[in-house]
Amino acid sequence: MPLTEDASRTVTNTMERTLVRVGEAAELLSVSRWTIYRWVDEGRLRGTKIGKGSLRIFRQSIVDLIESNESGSFSTF
């Protein structure tokens, strides 16, 4: 299903930043916020703490995860 114009703009704006919020990463990957936290703990995604513990996800790690999944080299979750 194609994205609406607003949704497409949101995805583009999110993906242009170096760091994204956990909720944004979850939305981009169509998983829950808790899955994002788990994947960071497991090393599937790279993140960093900002301020007093707010987690941000590196955009490139999201891109890498998507690309590794597309190539078929990623193990099952």
C-alpha atoms as a PDB file:
ATOM      1  CA  MET A   1       0.000   0.000   0.000  1.00  0.00           C
ATOM      2  CA  PRO A   2       1.558   3.360  -0.996  1.00  0.00           C
ATOM      3  CA  LEU A   3       2.145   5.993   1.670  1.00  0.00           C
ATOM      4  CA  THR A   4       0.048   9.126   1.747  1.00  0.00           C
ATOM      5  CA  GLU A   5       1.867  12.341   0.907  1.00  0.00           C
ATOM      6  CA  ASP A   6       2.009  13.371   4.594  1.00  0.00           C
ATOM      7  CA  ALA A   7       3.254   9.949   5.688  1.00  0.00           C
ATOM      8  CA  SER A   8       5.864   9.934   2.939  1.00  0.00           C
ATOM      9  CA  ARG A   9       7.087  13.372   4.005  1.00  0.00           C
ATOM     10  CA  THR A  10       7.305  12.227   7.645  1.00  0.00           C
ATOM     11  CA  VAL A  11       9.347   9.149   6.696  1.00  0.00           C
ATOM     12  CA  THR A  12      11.659  11.263   4.537  1.00  0.00           C
ATOM     13  CA  ASN A  13      12.158  13.881   7.269  1.00  0.00           C
ATOM     14  CA  THR A  14      12.821  11.172   9.864  1.00  0.00           C
ATOM     15  CA  MET A  15      15.313   9.343   7.691  1.00  0.00           C
ATOM     16  CA  GLU A  16      17.306  12.539   6.972  1.00  0.00           C
ATOM     17  CA  ARG A  17      18.274  12.921  10.649  1.00  0.00           C
ATOM     18  CA  THR A  18      21.238  11.096  12.181  1.00  0.00           C
ATOM     19  CA  LEU A  19      19.291  10.045  15.296  1.00  0.00           C
ATOM     20  CA  VAL A  20      15.634   9.064  15.548  1.00  0.00           C
ATOM     21  CA  ARG A  21      13.369   8.527  18.537  1.00  0.00           C
ATOM     22  CA  VAL A  22      12.411   5.016  19.589  1.00  0.00           C
ATOM     23  CA  GLY A  23       8.787   5.545  18.526  1.00  0.00           C
ATOM     24  CA  GLU A  24       9.851   6.777  15.095  1.00  0.00           C
ATOM     25  CA  ALA A  25      12.164   3.789  14.626  1.00  0.00           C
ATOM     26  CA  ALA A  26       9.344   1.464  15.682  1.00  0.00           C
ATOM     27  CA  GLU A  27       6.988   3.054  13.179  1.00  0.00           C
ATOM     28  CA  LEU A  28       9.530   2.883  10.354  1.00  0.00           C
ATOM     29  CA  LEU A  29      10.189  -0.805  11.031  1.00  0.00           C
ATOM     30  CA  SER A  30       6.544  -1.681  11.831  1.00  0.00           C
ATOM     31  CA  VAL A  31       7.409  -3.118  15.242  1.00  0.00           C
ATOM     32  CA  SER A  32       6.683  -2.121  18.835  1.00  0.00           C
ATOM     33  CA  ARG A  33       8.781   0.281  20.887  1.00  0.00           C
ATOM     34  CA  TRP A  34       9.724  -2.667  23.112  1.00  0.00           C
ATOM     35  CA  THR A  35      11.101  -4.526  20.090  1.00  0.00           C
ATOM     36  CA  ILE A  36      13.335  -1.538  19.349  1.00  0.00           C
ATOM     37  CA  TYR A  37      14.654  -1.566  22.923  1.00  0.00           C
ATOM     38  CA  ARG A  38      15.256  -5.327  22.688  1.00  0.00           C
ATOM     39  CA  TRP A  39      17.034  -5.019  19.323  1.00  0.00           C
ATOM     40  CA  VAL A  40      19.324  -2.334  20.761  1.00  0.00           C
ATOM     41  CA  ASP A  41      20.112  -4.633  23.711  1.00  0.00           C
ATOM     42  CA  GLU A  42      20.789  -7.514  21.289  1.00  0.00           C
ATOM     43  CA  GLY A  43      22.962  -5.352  19.028  1.00  0.00           C
ATOM     44  CA  ARG A  44      20.653  -5.486  15.997  1.00  0.00           C
ATOM     45  CA  LEU A  45      20.254  -1.695  16.168  1.00  0.00           C
ATOM     46  CA  ARG A  46      22.694   0.918  17.456  1.00  0.00           C
ATOM     47  CA  GLY A  47      21.468   3.565  19.835  1.00  0.00           C
ATOM     48  CA  THR A  48      22.736   6.178  22.245  1.00  0.00           C
ATOM     49  CA  LYS A  49      21.434   7.765  25.421  1.00  0.00           C
ATOM     50  CA  ILE A  50      20.617  11.470  25.255  1.00  0.00           C
ATOM     51  CA  GLY A  51      20.255  13.579  28.378  1.00  0.00           C
ATOM     52  CA  LYS A  52      18.939  11.661  31.376  1.00  0.00           C
ATOM     53  CA  GLY A  53      18.496   8.394  29.565  1.00  0.00           C
ATOM     54  CA  SER A  54      16.364   9.103  26.498  1.00  0.00           C
ATOM     55  CA  LEU A  55      17.365   6.552  23.879  1.00  0.00           C
ATOM     56  CA  ARG A  56      17.906   7.589  20.269  1.00  0.00           C
ATOM     57  CA  ILE A  57      18.542   5.172  17.419  1.00  0.00           C
ATOM     58  CA  PHE A  58      21.171   5.809  14.759  1.00  0.00           C
ATOM     59  CA  ARG A  59      19.426   6.220  11.419  1.00  0.00           C
ATOM     60  CA  GLN A  60      22.131   4.266   9.612  1.00  0.00           C
ATOM     61  CA  SER A  61      21.547   1.230  11.829  1.00  0.00           C
ATOM     62  CA  ILE A  62      17.892   1.224  10.729  1.00  0.00           C
ATOM     63  CA  VAL A  63      18.963   1.404   7.083  1.00  0.00           C
ATOM     64  CA  ASP A  64      21.504  -1.394   7.654  1.00  0.00           C
ATOM     65  CA  LEU A  65      18.871  -3.590   9.314  1.00  0.00           C
ATOM     66  CA  ILE A  66      16.447  -3.090   6.422  1.00  0.00           C
ATOM     67  CA  GLU A  67      19.146  -3.782   3.827  1.00  0.00           C
ATOM     68  CA  SER A  68      20.366  -6.924   5.594  1.00  0.00           C
ATOM     69  CA  ASN A  69      16.784  -8.197   5.767  1.00  0.00           C
ATOM     70  CA  GLU A  70      16.201  -7.495   2.050  1.00  0.00           C
ATOM     71  CA  SER A  71      19.276  -9.439   1.048  1.00  0.00           C
ATOM     72  CA  GLY A  72      18.017 -12.496   2.906  1.00  0.00           C
ATOM     73  CA  SER A  73      21.156 -12.733   5.059  1.00  0.00           C
ATOM     74  CA  PHE A  74      19.381 -11.785   8.287  1.00  0.00           C
ATOM     75  CA  SER A  75      18.410 -14.589  10.630  1.00  0.00           C
ATOM     76  CA  THR A  76      14.817 -14.971  11.781  1.00  0.00           C
ATOM     77  CA  PHE A  77      13.752 -12.951  14.795  1.00  0.00           C
END
